[in-house]
N, C-alpha and C. Protein backbone atom coordinates (compact mmCIF):
# COMPACT_ATOMS: atom_id res chain seq x y z
N MET A 1 -5.70 -0.96 16.42
CA MET A 1 -4.98 -0.84 15.16
C MET A 1 -5.96 -0.74 14.00
N TYR A 2 -5.50 -0.27 12.89
CA TYR A 2 -6.31 -0.09 11.68
C TYR A 2 -5.58 -0.77 10.53
N GLY A 3 -6.29 -1.55 9.74
CA GLY A 3 -5.68 -2.25 8.63
C GLY A 3 -6.40 -2.02 7.32
N LEU A 4 -5.64 -2.15 6.26
CA LEU A 4 -6.16 -2.05 4.91
C LEU A 4 -5.55 -3.17 4.09
N ILE A 5 -6.36 -3.79 3.26
CA ILE A 5 -5.87 -4.77 2.30
C ILE A 5 -6.55 -4.42 0.98
N GLY A 6 -5.74 -4.17 -0.03
CA GLY A 6 -6.32 -3.77 -1.32
C GLY A 6 -5.60 -4.35 -2.50
N LYS A 7 -6.32 -4.52 -3.57
CA LYS A 7 -5.72 -5.00 -4.82
C LYS A 7 -5.86 -3.90 -5.87
N MET A 8 -4.77 -3.66 -6.54
CA MET A 8 -4.81 -2.76 -7.70
C MET A 8 -4.26 -3.49 -8.91
N THR A 9 -4.59 -2.97 -10.08
CA THR A 9 -4.09 -3.56 -11.31
C THR A 9 -3.28 -2.52 -12.02
N ALA A 10 -2.05 -2.92 -12.33
CA ALA A 10 -1.15 -2.03 -13.07
C ALA A 10 -1.50 -2.13 -14.59
N LYS A 11 -1.17 -1.09 -15.30
CA LYS A 11 -1.28 -1.16 -16.75
C LYS A 11 -0.35 -2.25 -17.26
N GLU A 12 -0.68 -2.82 -18.39
CA GLU A 12 0.09 -3.91 -18.98
C GLU A 12 1.58 -3.58 -18.98
N GLY A 13 2.38 -4.46 -18.42
CA GLY A 13 3.84 -4.29 -18.42
C GLY A 13 4.39 -3.29 -17.43
N GLN A 14 3.55 -2.70 -16.60
CA GLN A 14 3.98 -1.65 -15.69
C GLN A 14 4.00 -2.08 -14.22
N ARG A 15 3.73 -3.38 -13.93
CA ARG A 15 3.62 -3.81 -12.54
C ARG A 15 4.92 -3.56 -11.76
N ASP A 16 6.06 -3.96 -12.28
CA ASP A 16 7.30 -3.80 -11.57
C ASP A 16 7.62 -2.32 -11.31
N ALA A 17 7.38 -1.47 -12.30
CA ALA A 17 7.61 -0.03 -12.10
C ALA A 17 6.69 0.53 -11.03
N LEU A 18 5.46 0.11 -11.01
CA LEU A 18 4.51 0.57 -10.00
C LEU A 18 4.89 0.08 -8.60
N ILE A 19 5.33 -1.17 -8.52
CA ILE A 19 5.79 -1.73 -7.26
C ILE A 19 6.98 -0.92 -6.72
N ALA A 20 7.89 -0.56 -7.61
CA ALA A 20 9.05 0.22 -7.17
C ALA A 20 8.62 1.57 -6.56
N ILE A 21 7.62 2.19 -7.15
CA ILE A 21 7.13 3.45 -6.64
C ILE A 21 6.44 3.23 -5.27
N LEU A 22 5.64 2.16 -5.18
CA LEU A 22 4.88 1.89 -3.94
C LEU A 22 5.82 1.58 -2.77
N THR A 23 6.94 0.97 -3.05
CA THR A 23 7.81 0.51 -1.95
C THR A 23 8.89 1.50 -1.59
N GLU A 24 9.24 2.43 -2.41
CA GLU A 24 10.31 3.36 -2.06
C GLU A 24 9.81 4.35 -0.99
N GLY A 25 10.60 4.52 0.02
CA GLY A 25 10.25 5.48 1.06
C GLY A 25 9.12 5.06 1.94
N SER A 26 8.67 3.82 1.90
CA SER A 26 7.53 3.42 2.70
C SER A 26 7.90 3.24 4.18
N GLY A 27 9.18 3.30 4.51
CA GLY A 27 9.58 3.13 5.91
C GLY A 27 9.47 4.39 6.76
N SER A 28 9.14 5.50 6.17
CA SER A 28 9.11 6.75 6.93
C SER A 28 7.71 7.33 7.06
N MET A 29 6.77 6.46 7.43
CA MET A 29 5.37 6.91 7.60
C MET A 29 4.99 6.73 9.08
N PRO A 30 4.91 7.81 9.82
CA PRO A 30 4.56 7.72 11.27
C PRO A 30 3.28 6.94 11.51
N GLY A 31 3.33 6.04 12.45
CA GLY A 31 2.17 5.25 12.79
C GLY A 31 1.97 3.97 11.96
N CYS A 32 2.85 3.77 10.97
CA CYS A 32 2.72 2.59 10.14
C CYS A 32 3.51 1.43 10.75
N ARG A 33 2.80 0.35 11.06
CA ARG A 33 3.46 -0.81 11.64
C ARG A 33 3.87 -1.81 10.56
N SER A 34 3.16 -1.83 9.47
CA SER A 34 3.44 -2.78 8.39
C SER A 34 2.88 -2.25 7.07
N TYR A 35 3.70 -2.35 6.04
CA TYR A 35 3.29 -1.93 4.70
C TYR A 35 3.93 -2.93 3.74
N ILE A 36 3.11 -3.84 3.25
CA ILE A 36 3.60 -4.95 2.41
C ILE A 36 2.99 -4.82 1.03
N VAL A 37 3.86 -4.85 0.01
CA VAL A 37 3.42 -4.84 -1.38
C VAL A 37 3.77 -6.21 -1.96
N ALA A 38 2.80 -6.86 -2.58
CA ALA A 38 3.02 -8.21 -3.11
C ALA A 38 2.47 -8.33 -4.52
N LYS A 39 3.18 -9.14 -5.34
CA LYS A 39 2.67 -9.48 -6.66
C LYS A 39 1.55 -10.51 -6.51
N ASP A 40 0.49 -10.37 -7.28
CA ASP A 40 -0.55 -11.37 -7.35
C ASP A 40 0.00 -12.54 -8.16
N ALA A 41 -0.02 -13.73 -7.58
CA ALA A 41 0.55 -14.92 -8.23
C ALA A 41 -0.23 -15.37 -9.46
N LYS A 42 -1.50 -14.96 -9.57
CA LYS A 42 -2.34 -15.43 -10.66
C LYS A 42 -2.64 -14.36 -11.71
N ASP A 43 -2.32 -13.12 -11.39
CA ASP A 43 -2.64 -11.98 -12.28
C ASP A 43 -1.31 -11.25 -12.56
N PRO A 44 -0.83 -11.30 -13.80
CA PRO A 44 0.46 -10.69 -14.11
C PRO A 44 0.51 -9.17 -13.95
N ASN A 45 -0.63 -8.54 -13.75
CA ASN A 45 -0.68 -7.11 -13.55
C ASN A 45 -1.17 -6.73 -12.16
N GLY A 46 -1.53 -7.74 -11.36
CA GLY A 46 -2.12 -7.53 -10.04
C GLY A 46 -1.11 -7.25 -8.93
N ILE A 47 -1.46 -6.35 -8.05
CA ILE A 47 -0.65 -5.98 -6.89
C ILE A 47 -1.57 -5.92 -5.66
N TRP A 48 -1.12 -6.56 -4.57
CA TRP A 48 -1.82 -6.50 -3.29
C TRP A 48 -1.00 -5.63 -2.34
N VAL A 49 -1.67 -4.75 -1.64
CA VAL A 49 -1.03 -3.92 -0.62
C VAL A 49 -1.75 -4.21 0.69
N THR A 50 -0.95 -4.60 1.71
CA THR A 50 -1.48 -4.87 3.02
C THR A 50 -0.82 -3.89 4.02
N GLU A 51 -1.64 -3.15 4.72
CA GLU A 51 -1.11 -2.12 5.64
C GLU A 51 -1.69 -2.30 7.05
N VAL A 52 -0.86 -1.99 8.04
CA VAL A 52 -1.29 -1.96 9.42
C VAL A 52 -0.81 -0.65 10.02
N TRP A 53 -1.73 0.07 10.62
CA TRP A 53 -1.45 1.39 11.19
C TRP A 53 -1.85 1.39 12.68
N ASP A 54 -1.22 2.25 13.46
CA ASP A 54 -1.63 2.39 14.83
C ASP A 54 -3.08 2.85 14.90
N ARG A 55 -3.43 3.83 14.05
CA ARG A 55 -4.77 4.42 14.06
C ARG A 55 -5.16 4.78 12.62
N LYS A 56 -6.45 4.81 12.37
CA LYS A 56 -6.97 5.21 11.08
C LYS A 56 -6.47 6.61 10.72
N GLU A 57 -6.37 7.47 11.72
CA GLU A 57 -5.93 8.84 11.51
C GLU A 57 -4.47 8.90 11.01
N ASP A 58 -3.65 7.95 11.46
CA ASP A 58 -2.26 7.89 10.99
C ASP A 58 -2.21 7.61 9.48
N HIS A 59 -3.09 6.70 9.04
CA HIS A 59 -3.14 6.41 7.61
C HIS A 59 -3.57 7.67 6.84
N ALA A 60 -4.60 8.32 7.31
CA ALA A 60 -5.08 9.54 6.64
C ALA A 60 -3.97 10.59 6.59
N ALA A 61 -3.24 10.76 7.67
CA ALA A 61 -2.16 11.74 7.70
C ALA A 61 -1.04 11.37 6.73
N SER A 62 -0.79 10.08 6.53
CA SER A 62 0.28 9.66 5.64
C SER A 62 0.00 10.08 4.20
N LEU A 63 -1.25 10.18 3.84
CA LEU A 63 -1.59 10.57 2.47
C LEU A 63 -1.26 12.03 2.16
N LYS A 64 -0.98 12.79 3.21
CA LYS A 64 -0.65 14.20 3.06
C LYS A 64 0.86 14.45 3.06
N LEU A 65 1.65 13.40 3.35
CA LEU A 65 3.09 13.58 3.36
C LEU A 65 3.61 13.89 1.96
N PRO A 66 4.56 14.82 1.84
CA PRO A 66 5.09 15.16 0.50
C PRO A 66 5.62 13.95 -0.26
N SER A 67 6.31 13.05 0.43
CA SER A 67 6.87 11.88 -0.27
C SER A 67 5.75 10.97 -0.78
N VAL A 68 4.66 10.83 -0.03
CA VAL A 68 3.54 10.00 -0.46
C VAL A 68 2.78 10.70 -1.61
N GLN A 69 2.60 12.00 -1.51
CA GLN A 69 1.96 12.73 -2.59
C GLN A 69 2.76 12.61 -3.90
N ALA A 70 4.08 12.69 -3.79
CA ALA A 70 4.94 12.55 -4.97
C ALA A 70 4.79 11.15 -5.58
N ALA A 71 4.77 10.14 -4.70
CA ALA A 71 4.64 8.74 -5.18
C ALA A 71 3.30 8.53 -5.84
N ILE A 72 2.24 9.11 -5.28
CA ILE A 72 0.90 9.00 -5.89
C ILE A 72 0.92 9.62 -7.28
N GLY A 73 1.53 10.78 -7.40
CA GLY A 73 1.59 11.45 -8.69
C GLY A 73 2.35 10.65 -9.74
N ARG A 74 3.43 9.99 -9.32
CA ARG A 74 4.22 9.21 -10.27
C ARG A 74 3.55 7.86 -10.59
N GLY A 75 2.83 7.31 -9.59
CA GLY A 75 2.26 5.99 -9.77
C GLY A 75 0.92 5.99 -10.50
N ARG A 76 0.16 7.07 -10.34
CA ARG A 76 -1.19 7.12 -10.91
C ARG A 76 -1.25 6.78 -12.39
N PRO A 77 -0.32 7.26 -13.22
CA PRO A 77 -0.41 6.91 -14.66
C PRO A 77 -0.15 5.42 -14.97
N LEU A 78 0.42 4.70 -13.99
CA LEU A 78 0.72 3.29 -14.20
C LEU A 78 -0.40 2.36 -13.74
N ILE A 79 -1.45 2.92 -13.15
CA ILE A 79 -2.55 2.12 -12.58
C ILE A 79 -3.67 2.03 -13.57
N ALA A 80 -4.06 0.77 -13.84
CA ALA A 80 -5.22 0.52 -14.71
C ALA A 80 -6.52 0.58 -13.93
N GLY A 81 -6.48 0.22 -12.64
CA GLY A 81 -7.68 0.23 -11.84
C GLY A 81 -7.48 -0.36 -10.46
N PHE A 82 -8.51 -0.24 -9.65
CA PHE A 82 -8.51 -0.77 -8.30
C PHE A 82 -9.58 -1.85 -8.24
N ASP A 83 -9.29 -2.92 -7.47
CA ASP A 83 -10.18 -4.04 -7.35
C ASP A 83 -10.69 -4.09 -5.92
N SER A 84 -10.45 -5.15 -5.24
CA SER A 84 -10.89 -5.37 -3.88
C SER A 84 -10.26 -4.41 -2.90
N TYR A 85 -11.00 -4.04 -1.86
CA TYR A 85 -10.48 -3.11 -0.84
C TYR A 85 -11.19 -3.47 0.47
N PHE A 86 -10.42 -3.76 1.50
CA PHE A 86 -10.98 -4.15 2.76
C PHE A 86 -10.34 -3.37 3.89
N GLU A 87 -11.17 -2.90 4.82
CA GLU A 87 -10.66 -2.32 6.07
C GLU A 87 -10.74 -3.42 7.13
N THR A 88 -9.66 -3.49 7.96
CA THR A 88 -9.60 -4.52 8.98
C THR A 88 -9.25 -3.90 10.31
N GLU A 89 -9.35 -4.70 11.35
CA GLU A 89 -8.93 -4.29 12.68
C GLU A 89 -7.91 -5.34 13.19
N PRO A 90 -6.63 -5.13 12.85
CA PRO A 90 -5.62 -6.11 13.25
C PRO A 90 -5.57 -6.26 14.76
N VAL A 91 -5.34 -7.48 15.21
CA VAL A 91 -5.27 -7.75 16.66
C VAL A 91 -3.91 -8.30 17.10
N GLY A 92 -3.01 -8.60 16.19
CA GLY A 92 -1.71 -9.10 16.54
C GLY A 92 -1.13 -9.99 15.46
N GLY A 93 0.06 -10.45 15.70
CA GLY A 93 0.70 -11.35 14.74
C GLY A 93 2.17 -11.03 14.62
N THR A 94 2.89 -11.86 13.93
CA THR A 94 4.30 -11.68 13.74
C THR A 94 4.63 -10.37 13.04
N GLY A 95 5.55 -9.62 13.63
CA GLY A 95 5.96 -8.38 13.00
C GLY A 95 5.21 -7.15 13.40
N LEU A 96 4.11 -7.27 14.12
CA LEU A 96 3.32 -6.11 14.50
C LEU A 96 3.77 -5.48 15.79
N GLY A 97 4.44 -6.20 16.59
CA GLY A 97 4.89 -5.63 17.88
C GLY A 97 3.73 -5.39 18.83
N GLY A 98 4.07 -4.74 19.95
CA GLY A 98 3.17 -4.49 21.06
C GLY A 98 1.82 -4.13 20.78
């Protein structure tokens, strides 16, 4: 499996709007086992995204999907910046399945 954990910062007052864009349609990405968007409890503009994919190639392919491209286009103006970014190798856990 292939995992990503990243933090982004929304522009002031735009976190909820950006979260709405990030979460809509996230269920239709082939190879995606988990896609979690969370508010940072200490940063009023911070968003954490945790992803688990069958393969790194599945993640790369998802970025080419028309729905994902549209979401990127709509979300980009709401992003102030990107912070931490980690690649992981998930090995199991609740919700990941086989």
